[in-house]
Protein backbone atom coordinates (compact mmCIF):
# COMPACT_ATOMS: atom_id res chain seq x y z
CA UNK A 1 13.83 -4.12 -16.59
CA UNK A 2 16.53 -5.16 -14.94
CA UNK A 3 17.40 -8.41 -14.53
CA UNK A 4 19.20 -11.15 -12.20
CA UNK A 5 22.30 -10.88 -13.26
CA UNK A 6 26.01 -12.92 -12.03
CA UNK A 7 28.67 -10.99 -11.53
CA UNK A 8 31.87 -12.55 -10.98
CA UNK A 9 30.31 -16.10 -10.15
CA UNK A 10 28.29 -14.54 -7.66
CA UNK A 11 25.10 -14.44 -7.96
CA UNK A 12 22.68 -11.17 -7.09
CA UNK A 13 21.79 -12.50 -3.74
CA UNK A 14 24.98 -12.55 -2.64
CA UNK A 15 25.57 -9.00 -3.60
CA UNK A 16 22.29 -8.00 -1.88
CA UNK A 17 23.24 -9.54 1.51
CA UNK A 18 25.88 -6.98 3.24
CA UNK A 19 28.28 -8.13 5.22
CA UNK A 20 28.60 -11.76 3.55
CA UNK A 21 32.24 -13.40 2.41
CA UNK A 22 32.50 -13.83 -1.11
CA UNK A 23 33.23 -17.23 -0.73
CA UNK A 24 30.31 -17.98 1.74
CA UNK A 25 27.83 -16.74 -1.47
CA UNK A 26 29.85 -18.41 -4.16
CA UNK A 27 27.14 -20.97 -6.10
CA UNK A 28 26.89 -22.93 -9.42
CA UNK A 29 26.56 -20.48 -12.43
CA UNK A 30 23.36 -21.29 -14.51
CA UNK A 31 25.30 -23.02 -17.10
CA UNK A 32 26.69 -25.35 -14.15
CA UNK A 33 22.96 -25.90 -13.36
CA UNK A 34 22.11 -26.62 -16.96
CA UNK A 35 24.47 -29.05 -17.43
CA UNK A 36 23.75 -30.99 -14.51
CA UNK A 37 19.98 -31.53 -15.94
CA UNK A 38 18.85 -30.10 -12.07
CA UNK A 39 15.14 -31.03 -12.09
CA UNK A 40 12.98 -29.39 -9.39
CA UNK A 41 9.44 -30.34 -8.38
CA UNK A 42 7.14 -27.80 -6.92
CA UNK A 43 4.02 -28.51 -5.88
CA UNK A 44 1.79 -25.76 -4.54
CA UNK A 45 -1.47 -23.88 -4.84
CA UNK A 46 -2.07 -21.82 -8.48
CA UNK A 47 -1.98 -18.84 -6.69
CA UNK A 48 1.89 -18.24 -7.27
CA UNK A 49 2.15 -21.28 -10.02
CA UNK A 50 3.30 -18.97 -13.15
CA UNK A 51 4.68 -20.26 -16.04
CA UNK A 52 6.62 -16.75 -16.52
CA UNK A 53 8.04 -17.66 -12.69
CA UNK A 54 9.53 -21.35 -14.19
CA UNK A 55 10.56 -19.71 -17.52
CA UNK A 56 12.45 -16.86 -15.58
CA UNK A 57 14.35 -19.60 -13.49
CA UNK A 58 15.75 -21.88 -16.10
CA UNK A 59 16.48 -18.37 -18.21
CA UNK A 60 18.59 -16.84 -14.89
CA UNK A 61 19.58 -20.01 -13.25
CA UNK A 62 19.34 -22.67 -15.67
CA UNK A 63 17.33 -24.47 -13.31
CA UNK A 64 13.79 -26.48 -14.84
CA UNK A 65 11.20 -25.94 -12.11
CA UNK A 66 7.94 -28.57 -13.09
CA UNK A 67 4.96 -27.11 -11.38
CA UNK A 68 2.17 -28.66 -9.88
CA UNK A 69 -0.70 -26.54 -9.05
CA UNK A 70 -3.28 -27.93 -6.61
CA UNK A 71 -6.17 -26.40 -4.08
CA UNK A 72 -4.69 -26.17 -0.67
CA UNK A 73 -6.65 -29.21 0.67
CA UNK A 74 -4.71 -31.33 -1.87
CA UNK A 75 -0.97 -29.87 -2.00
CA UNK A 76 -1.79 -30.53 1.97
CA UNK A 77 -2.47 -34.53 1.57
CA UNK A 78 0.53 -34.26 -1.47
CA UNK A 79 2.94 -33.21 1.39
CA UNK A 80 1.55 -35.01 3.88
CA UNK A 81 1.10 -38.81 2.49
CA UNK A 82 4.10 -38.61 -1.30
CA UNK A 83 6.90 -37.65 0.22
CA UNK A 84 8.61 -38.61 -3.24
CA UNK A 85 6.17 -36.73 -5.36
CA UNK A 86 8.06 -33.44 -4.89
CA UNK A 87 11.18 -31.46 -4.22
CA UNK A 88 9.80 -28.00 -3.33
CA UNK A 89 6.41 -27.64 -0.83
CA UNK A 90 4.64 -24.00 -1.85
CA UNK A 91 2.43 -24.12 0.50
CA UNK A 92 0.96 -21.34 3.24
CA UNK A 93 1.95 -21.52 6.88
CA UNK A 94 -1.48 -23.26 8.17
CA UNK A 95 -0.37 -26.36 6.33
CA UNK A 96 2.54 -26.21 7.85
CA UNK A 97 0.81 -27.03 10.72
CA UNK A 98 -0.28 -30.18 9.47
CA UNK A 99 2.30 -31.30 7.65
CA UNK A 100 5.48 -30.70 9.80
CA UNK A 101 4.57 -33.89 12.33
CA UNK A 102 5.13 -35.82 9.37
CA UNK A 103 9.04 -35.90 8.81
CA UNK A 104 8.54 -35.23 5.04
CA UNK A 105 10.27 -31.97 5.16
CA UNK A 106 13.60 -30.60 6.37
CA UNK A 107 14.41 -27.68 8.72
CA UNK A 108 15.98 -24.71 6.61
CA UNK A 109 19.12 -23.38 7.71
CA UNK A 110 18.64 -19.65 7.94
CA UNK A 111 22.51 -18.94 7.64
CA UNK A 112 22.04 -20.12 3.72
CA UNK A 113 19.51 -17.56 3.00
CA UNK A 114 20.76 -13.94 1.59
CA UNK A 115 18.27 -12.02 2.48
CA UNK A 116 16.75 -13.62 5.72
CA UNK A 117 17.81 -10.30 7.72
CA UNK A 118 15.40 -8.35 5.25
CA UNK A 119 12.55 -10.69 5.74
CA UNK A 120 9.59 -8.92 6.79
CA UNK A 121 9.01 -9.46 10.90
CA UNK A 122 5.48 -10.20 10.33
CA UNK A 123 7.24 -13.87 9.67
CA UNK A 124 10.19 -13.52 12.23
CA UNK A 125 8.64 -11.97 15.40
CA UNK A 126 4.86 -12.32 14.06
CA UNK A 127 4.71 -8.08 14.39
CA UNK A 128 4.38 -5.69 11.40
CA UNK A 129 6.06 -2.81 13.96
CA UNK A 130 7.17 -2.90 16.85
CA UNK A 131 3.76 -1.80 18.51
CA UNK A 132 1.86 -4.33 16.62
CA UNK A 133 -0.46 -6.45 18.19
CA UNK A 134 -0.58 -9.94 16.99
CA UNK A 135 -3.71 -11.18 15.53
CA UNK A 136 -5.91 -14.71 16.37
CA UNK A 137 -4.92 -17.66 14.01
CA UNK A 138 -1.90 -19.74 12.79
CA UNK A 139 0.24 -16.56 12.72
CA UNK A 140 3.64 -17.54 10.76
CA UNK A 141 5.74 -17.10 13.19
CA UNK A 142 4.18 -19.95 15.35
CA UNK A 143 4.88 -22.53 12.82
CA UNK A 144 7.73 -20.90 11.42
CA UNK A 145 10.90 -22.22 13.57
CA UNK A 146 12.01 -25.12 15.28
CA UNK A 147 14.62 -26.00 17.32
CA UNK A 148 17.30 -27.36 15.03
CA UNK A 149 18.33 -29.34 12.02
CA UNK A 150 16.19 -32.39 13.36
CA UNK A 151 13.71 -30.44 15.01
CA UNK A 152 10.15 -32.13 15.50
CA UNK A 153 8.68 -28.96 17.94
CA UNK A 154 7.81 -25.46 16.88
CA UNK A 155 9.99 -22.78 18.73
CA UNK A 156 8.69 -18.91 19.27
CA UNK A 157 11.86 -17.62 18.62
CA UNK A 158 14.39 -17.08 15.85
CA UNK A 159 16.56 -20.33 16.00
CA UNK A 160 18.14 -20.26 13.00
CA UNK A 161 16.40 -23.26 11.78
CA UNK A 162 12.74 -22.18 9.64
CA UNK A 163 9.94 -24.88 8.37
CA UNK A 164 9.70 -22.58 5.49
CA UNK A 165 11.01 -19.68 4.26
CA UNK A 166 8.68 -17.04 3.70
CA UNK A 167 7.94 -15.55 0.08
CA UNK A 168 4.33 -13.96 0.31
CA UNK A 169 1.68 -12.93 2.24
CA UNK A 170 -1.31 -10.56 1.86
CA UNK A 171 -4.81 -9.22 3.89
CA UNK A 172 -7.83 -11.07 2.23
CA UNK A 173 -11.53 -9.55 2.37
CA UNK A 174 -14.67 -9.87 0.10
CA UNK A 175 -15.02 -9.78 -3.16
CA UNK A 176 -17.65 -7.82 -4.63
CA UNK A 177 -19.20 -7.07 -7.95
CA UNK A 178 -20.13 -2.88 -7.69
CA UNK A 179 -21.75 -2.59 -10.52
CA UNK A 180 -23.88 -5.34 -9.77
CA UNK A 181 -24.68 -4.71 -5.85
CA UNK A 182 -25.25 -0.40 -6.43
CA UNK A 183 -24.36 0.22 -3.18
CA UNK A 184 -21.92 0.19 -0.48
CA UNK A 185 -20.65 -2.41 1.13
CA UNK A 186 -18.97 -2.03 4.49
CA UNK A 187 -19.14 -5.14 6.99
CA UNK A 188 -18.28 -9.08 6.65
CA UNK A 189 -22.03 -9.72 7.84
CA UNK A 190 -23.21 -8.46 4.49
CA UNK A 191 -21.83 -12.14 3.02
CA UNK A 192 -25.04 -13.19 4.49
CA UNK A 193 -27.68 -10.59 3.69
CA UNK A 194 -30.59 -11.99 1.82
CA UNK A 195 -30.30 -9.41 -0.47
CA UNK A 196 -27.74 -11.62 -1.81
CA UNK A 197 -29.36 -14.79 -1.98
CA UNK A 198 -28.62 -17.43 -4.39
CA UNK A 199 -25.72 -14.59 -5.27
CA UNK A 200 -23.28 -15.43 -2.52
CA UNK A 201 -20.56 -17.48 -2.19
CA UNK A 202 -17.36 -18.82 0.09
CA UNK A 203 -14.33 -21.17 -0.50
CA UNK A 204 -14.65 -25.06 0.16
CA UNK A 205 -11.17 -25.21 2.12
CA UNK A 206 -12.37 -25.49 5.58
CA UNK A 207 -8.75 -24.05 7.45
CA UNK A 208 -9.44 -20.57 5.49
CA UNK A 209 -13.64 -20.90 5.19
CA UNK A 210 -13.98 -21.19 8.93
CA UNK A 211 -12.19 -17.78 9.32
CA UNK A 212 -14.01 -16.14 7.16
CA UNK A 213 -17.60 -17.74 8.61
CA UNK A 214 -16.20 -16.21 11.74
CA UNK A 215 -15.25 -12.99 10.64
CA UNK A 216 -19.52 -12.51 9.31
CA UNK A 217 -20.59 -14.39 12.37
CA UNK A 218 -18.73 -11.71 14.66
CA UNK A 219 -19.64 -8.63 12.49
CA UNK A 220 -24.00 -10.27 12.23
CA UNK A 221 -23.31 -9.80 16.48
CA UNK A 222 -24.54 -13.72 16.79
CA UNK A 223 -20.98 -14.94 18.34
CA UNK A 224 -18.30 -13.32 20.18
CA UNK A 225 -15.25 -15.49 20.40
CA UNK A 226 -12.66 -16.37 23.04
CA UNK A 227 -9.95 -16.75 19.74
CA UNK A 228 -11.58 -17.27 16.71
CA UNK A 229 -8.53 -18.65 15.42
CA UNK A 230 -8.69 -21.61 18.05
CA UNK A 231 -12.65 -22.35 18.49
CA UNK A 232 -14.31 -24.31 20.92
CA UNK A 233 -16.49 -26.73 19.97
CA UNK A 234 -19.35 -25.14 21.24
CA UNK A 235 -18.26 -22.08 18.79
CA UNK A 236 -17.78 -24.42 16.22
CA UNK A 237 -21.21 -26.05 16.32
CA UNK A 238 -22.56 -22.39 16.34
CA UNK A 239 -20.47 -21.22 13.68
CA UNK A 240 -22.22 -24.25 11.20
CA UNK A 241 -25.56 -24.15 12.71
CA UNK A 242 -25.62 -20.08 11.03
CA UNK A 243 -24.33 -21.23 7.81
CA UNK A 244 -26.21 -24.19 7.42
CA UNK A 245 -29.45 -22.59 7.98
CA UNK A 246 -28.49 -20.00 5.17
CA UNK A 247 -27.47 -22.56 2.94
CA UNK A 248 -30.79 -24.41 3.75
CA UNK A 249 -32.59 -20.46 2.49
CA UNK A 250 -30.22 -20.69 -0.44
CA UNK A 251 -28.03 -18.23 0.26
CA UNK A 252 -24.99 -19.36 -2.42
CA UNK A 253 -24.76 -20.12 -5.45
CA UNK A 254 -21.83 -22.09 -4.99
CA UNK A 255 -18.48 -23.26 -2.92
CA UNK A 256 -15.09 -23.34 -4.75
CA UNK A 257 -11.75 -24.16 -4.06
CA UNK A 258 -9.62 -22.64 -6.67
CA UNK A 259 -9.05 -18.91 -7.69
CA UNK A 260 -10.18 -19.99 -11.24
CA UNK A 261 -13.67 -21.54 -9.95
CA UNK A 262 -14.25 -17.72 -7.74
CA UNK A 263 -12.79 -15.80 -11.17
CA UNK A 264 -15.87 -17.36 -13.31
CA UNK A 265 -18.30 -17.17 -11.05
CA UNK A 266 -17.44 -13.34 -10.12
CA UNK A 267 -17.05 -12.76 -13.96
CA UNK A 268 -20.42 -14.46 -15.49
CA UNK A 269 -22.12 -12.11 -12.27
CA UNK A 270 -23.74 -15.42 -11.27
CA UNK A 271 -21.94 -14.39 -7.94
CA UNK A 272 -21.84 -10.74 -6.53
CA UNK A 273 -20.18 -11.33 -3.29
CA UNK A 274 -17.99 -13.65 -2.05
CA UNK A 275 -14.49 -14.96 -0.45
CA UNK A 276 -11.98 -14.16 -2.53
CA UNK A 277 -7.80 -14.05 -3.28
CA UNK A 278 -5.67 -11.37 -4.93
CA UNK A 279 -5.07 -12.50 -8.36
CA UNK A 280 -8.94 -13.72 -8.48
CA UNK A 281 -9.59 -10.12 -8.29
CA UNK A 282 -7.03 -9.43 -10.72
CA UNK A 283 -7.88 -11.77 -13.43
CA UNK A 284 -11.75 -10.47 -13.29
CA UNK A 285 -10.22 -6.89 -13.70
CA UNK A 286 -8.38 -7.60 -16.29
CA UNK A 287 -11.45 -8.96 -18.45
CA UNK A 288 -12.36 -5.16 -17.93
CA UNK A 289 -15.68 -6.34 -15.46
CA UNK A 290 -15.67 -3.96 -12.24
CA UNK A 291 -14.17 -6.04 -9.39
CA UNK A 292 -13.54 -4.71 -5.59
CA UNK A 293 -11.44 -6.39 -3.03
CA UNK A 294 -13.60 -4.67 -0.60
CA UNK A 295 -11.93 -3.21 2.75
CA UNK A 296 -14.41 -3.91 5.43
CA UNK A 297 -14.81 -2.64 9.15
CA UNK A 298 -13.73 -5.23 11.08
CA UNK A 299 -10.44 -6.07 9.11
CA UNK A 300 -8.79 -8.58 7.26
CA UNK A 301 -8.47 -12.23 7.06
CA UNK A 302 -4.63 -12.73 6.12
CA UNK A 303 -2.54 -15.57 5.20
CA UNK A 304 1.77 -15.91 4.46
CA UNK A 305 3.33 -18.49 2.08
CA UNK A 306 6.56 -19.79 2.34
CA UNK A 307 8.94 -22.81 0.47
CA UNK A 308 9.89 -26.14 2.37
CA UNK A 309 12.34 -28.94 1.12
CA UNK A 310 11.34 -32.40 0.83
CA UNK A 311 13.16 -34.59 4.09
CA UNK A 312 14.60 -36.31 1.14
CA UNK A 313 16.32 -33.77 -0.69
CA UNK A 314 20.18 -33.99 -0.79
CA UNK A 315 23.30 -33.29 -2.81
CA UNK A 316 23.36 -30.82 -5.86
CA UNK A 317 19.43 -30.85 -5.86
CA UNK A 318 19.61 -29.65 -2.15
CA UNK A 319 22.24 -26.64 -3.30
CA UNK A 320 20.17 -25.75 -6.21
CA UNK A 321 16.68 -25.78 -3.69
CA UNK A 322 18.46 -23.10 -1.93
CA UNK A 323 19.85 -20.67 -4.79
CA UNK A 324 16.48 -21.24 -6.53
CA UNK A 325 14.69 -19.92 -3.19
CA UNK A 326 17.65 -17.20 -2.75
CA UNK A 327 16.22 -16.07 -6.22
CA UNK A 328 12.94 -16.27 -5.34
CA UNK A 329 14.04 -13.06 -2.68
CA UNK A 330 16.17 -11.44 -4.87
CA UNK A 331 12.82 -9.29 -6.54
CA UNK A 332 12.27 -10.38 -9.49
CA UNK A 333 9.33 -12.81 -8.42
CA UNK A 334 8.50 -10.22 -6.08
CA UNK A 335 7.76 -7.43 -8.04
CA UNK A 336 6.06 -9.88 -10.50
CA UNK A 337 3.11 -11.09 -7.46
CA UNK A 338 2.91 -8.03 -6.35
CA UNK A 339 1.78 -6.87 -9.70
CA UNK A 340 -1.63 -9.40 -8.76
CA UNK A 341 -1.91 -7.65 -4.96
CA UNK A 342 0.31 -9.84 -3.20
CA UNK A 343 3.02 -8.61 -0.53
CA UNK A 344 6.76 -9.99 -1.04
CA UNK A 345 7.97 -10.85 2.27
CA UNK A 346 11.36 -9.11 1.31
CA UNK A 347 10.06 -6.20 0.25
CA UNK A 348 13.12 -4.05 -0.20
CA UNK A 349 14.35 -6.25 -2.85
CA UNK A 350 10.88 -6.43 -4.97
CA UNK A 351 10.99 -2.77 -5.42
CA UNK A 352 14.04 -2.59 -7.17
CA UNK A 353 12.13 -4.65 -10.26
CA UNK A 354 8.76 -2.27 -10.07
CA UNK A 355 8.51 1.32 -11.12
CA UNK A 356 7.80 4.13 -8.81
CA UNK A 357 4.36 4.31 -10.08
CA UNK A 358 3.65 0.86 -9.36
CA UNK A 359 5.48 0.50 -5.78
CA UNK A 360 3.71 3.70 -5.39
CA UNK A 361 0.38 2.39 -5.78
CA UNK A 362 0.44 -1.49 -4.64
CA UNK A 363 2.49 -0.79 -1.68
CA UNK A 364 2.28 2.72 -0.35
CA UNK A 365 -1.32 3.40 -1.27
CA UNK A 366 -0.35 6.12 -3.66
CA UNK A 367 -2.69 7.38 -6.92
CA UNK A 368 -1.48 5.89 -9.93
CA UNK A 369 0.31 8.54 -12.69
CA UNK A 370 0.05 5.92 -15.48
CA UNK A 371 -1.90 2.31 -16.45
CA UNK A 372 -1.31 0.07 -13.87
CA UNK A 373 -0.91 -3.63 -15.21
CA UNK A 374 -1.06 -7.23 -14.10
CA UNK A 375 1.43 -9.51 -14.03
CA UNK A 376 0.52 -10.20 -17.81
CA UNK A 377 0.58 -6.72 -19.16
CA UNK A 378 -2.98 -6.34 -18.89
CA UNK A 379 -4.41 -3.26 -18.00
CA UNK A 380 -6.08 -3.03 -14.59
CA UNK A 381 -6.41 1.01 -13.80
CA UNK A 382 -5.76 3.77 -15.42
CA UNK A 383 -3.92 7.08 -13.93
CA UNK A 384 -5.65 8.45 -10.78
CA UNK A 385 -6.74 5.56 -9.15
CA UNK A 386 -5.97 4.07 -5.62
CA UNK A 387 -5.47 0.79 -4.58
CA UNK A 388 -8.33 -0.86 -2.20
CA UNK A 389 -7.78 -0.88 1.36
CA UNK A 390 -4.87 1.72 0.56
CA UNK A 391 -0.78 1.10 1.72
CA UNK A 392 0.78 -2.04 3.02
CA UNK A 393 0.72 -0.55 6.80
CA UNK A 394 -3.15 -0.05 6.05
CA UNK A 395 -4.04 -3.14 4.98
CA UNK A 396 -1.65 -5.43 7.19
CA UNK A 397 -2.08 -3.16 9.89
CA UNK A 398 -6.12 -4.08 9.73
CA UNK A 399 -5.68 -8.14 10.23
CA UNK A 400 -7.84 -9.14 12.32
CA UNK A 401 -7.05 -12.80 11.98
CA UNK A 402 -4.87 -15.50 9.87
CA UNK A 403 -6.16 -18.58 8.23
CA UNK A 404 -5.68 -21.61 11.29
CA UNK A 405 -5.59 -24.65 12.16
CA UNK A 406 -7.11 -25.36 15.61
CA UNK A 407 -6.93 -27.82 18.33
CA UNK A 408 -10.36 -29.02 17.63
CA UNK A 409 -9.12 -29.31 13.84
CA UNK A 410 -10.65 -32.79 13.19
CA UNK A 411 -13.96 -31.81 14.75
CA UNK A 412 -14.04 -28.31 12.96
CA UNK A 413 -13.37 -30.59 9.41
CA UNK A 414 -15.91 -33.05 10.48
CA UNK A 415 -18.46 -30.17 11.10
CA UNK A 416 -17.32 -28.67 7.50
CA UNK A 417 -17.94 -31.28 5.64
CA UNK A 418 -21.18 -32.04 7.17
CA UNK A 419 -22.08 -28.49 5.57
CA UNK A 420 -21.18 -28.68 2.47
CA UNK A 421 -23.11 -31.67 1.78
CA UNK A 422 -25.96 -30.50 3.76
């Protein structure tokens, strides 16, 4: 496997960036960072908090990472209310909409990001391709930029100052146990099919779960939303009423907050259809249990994640944080995370750290030629397999909505909590 290397005092991120003066890209060597005893505290969700990433960062950069894995609501609360408890926030873009107004994150200078020009258009203009339509909800580019270093308002142009530096994203759908269901599943409405009463589950994170609910209600033909990502109070009430009735009728086995919980529900067979995330699918399949990330006719619910920096970060720790983020985008981490089904915000570099067969399977939707393995090396598929949903363009091109924070967010959260407690 190719390794992240230093050459003549320059990082690989400098060598990958075209047309940058060497002096502008010079950074401290791993030995210097190690001698400085740099420790970066990273708070984020468990979907990307892998010990292997921390180990590799220490090996390549000499920077020690202390990773804290939390659920989405908990990391939102930490970034919003405990600004001295983290250096790096590894969060989703909808979370940015909640935490940016607190002033606990600092705007990031894109001129210090070696791979900025190669970041996917989804994060910069909102368009996957020049002809793409932008899906409903909190699309990453809508909260990705502010007007300047001290900017407090989001802007709709590439201002040179980002709220988060994008790292990964994906198109989410329902996970199913095909061996226990025994028939095709093609629509979001199946989540509320009484055939699966007591064996269905939805995630208990309001800004994500409400979007799954909306996909289900539209699929059922019960509600046509003007904008799923920005519901009216009436639309919220109708949505919650449908799911509250289903809950009272015993549709749901459980509600989960972390992908570990969803793995246990699915692997045990207690649940056969549920909201699910890519690493959970990977974890179930790594146990040798059939589990499918089912493409659905109505499309996908999507999300994007990125790295934000604490407002208090300065000096050598700030420089180290930028170097860490540049390393993160330089390919090794992207290749590692793409093996559990994510897409890197800079796919060109990730490709350098994957075999042609892996890239063909995960990104291009091609039939595998050999075993396909998880980030930890467990066999997920044998030769002849094709990824659920096909290629990157097939999957991300079928995104119907993004995880969202609405204008009526407080009202929605209150109604959500009432639903969970009902």
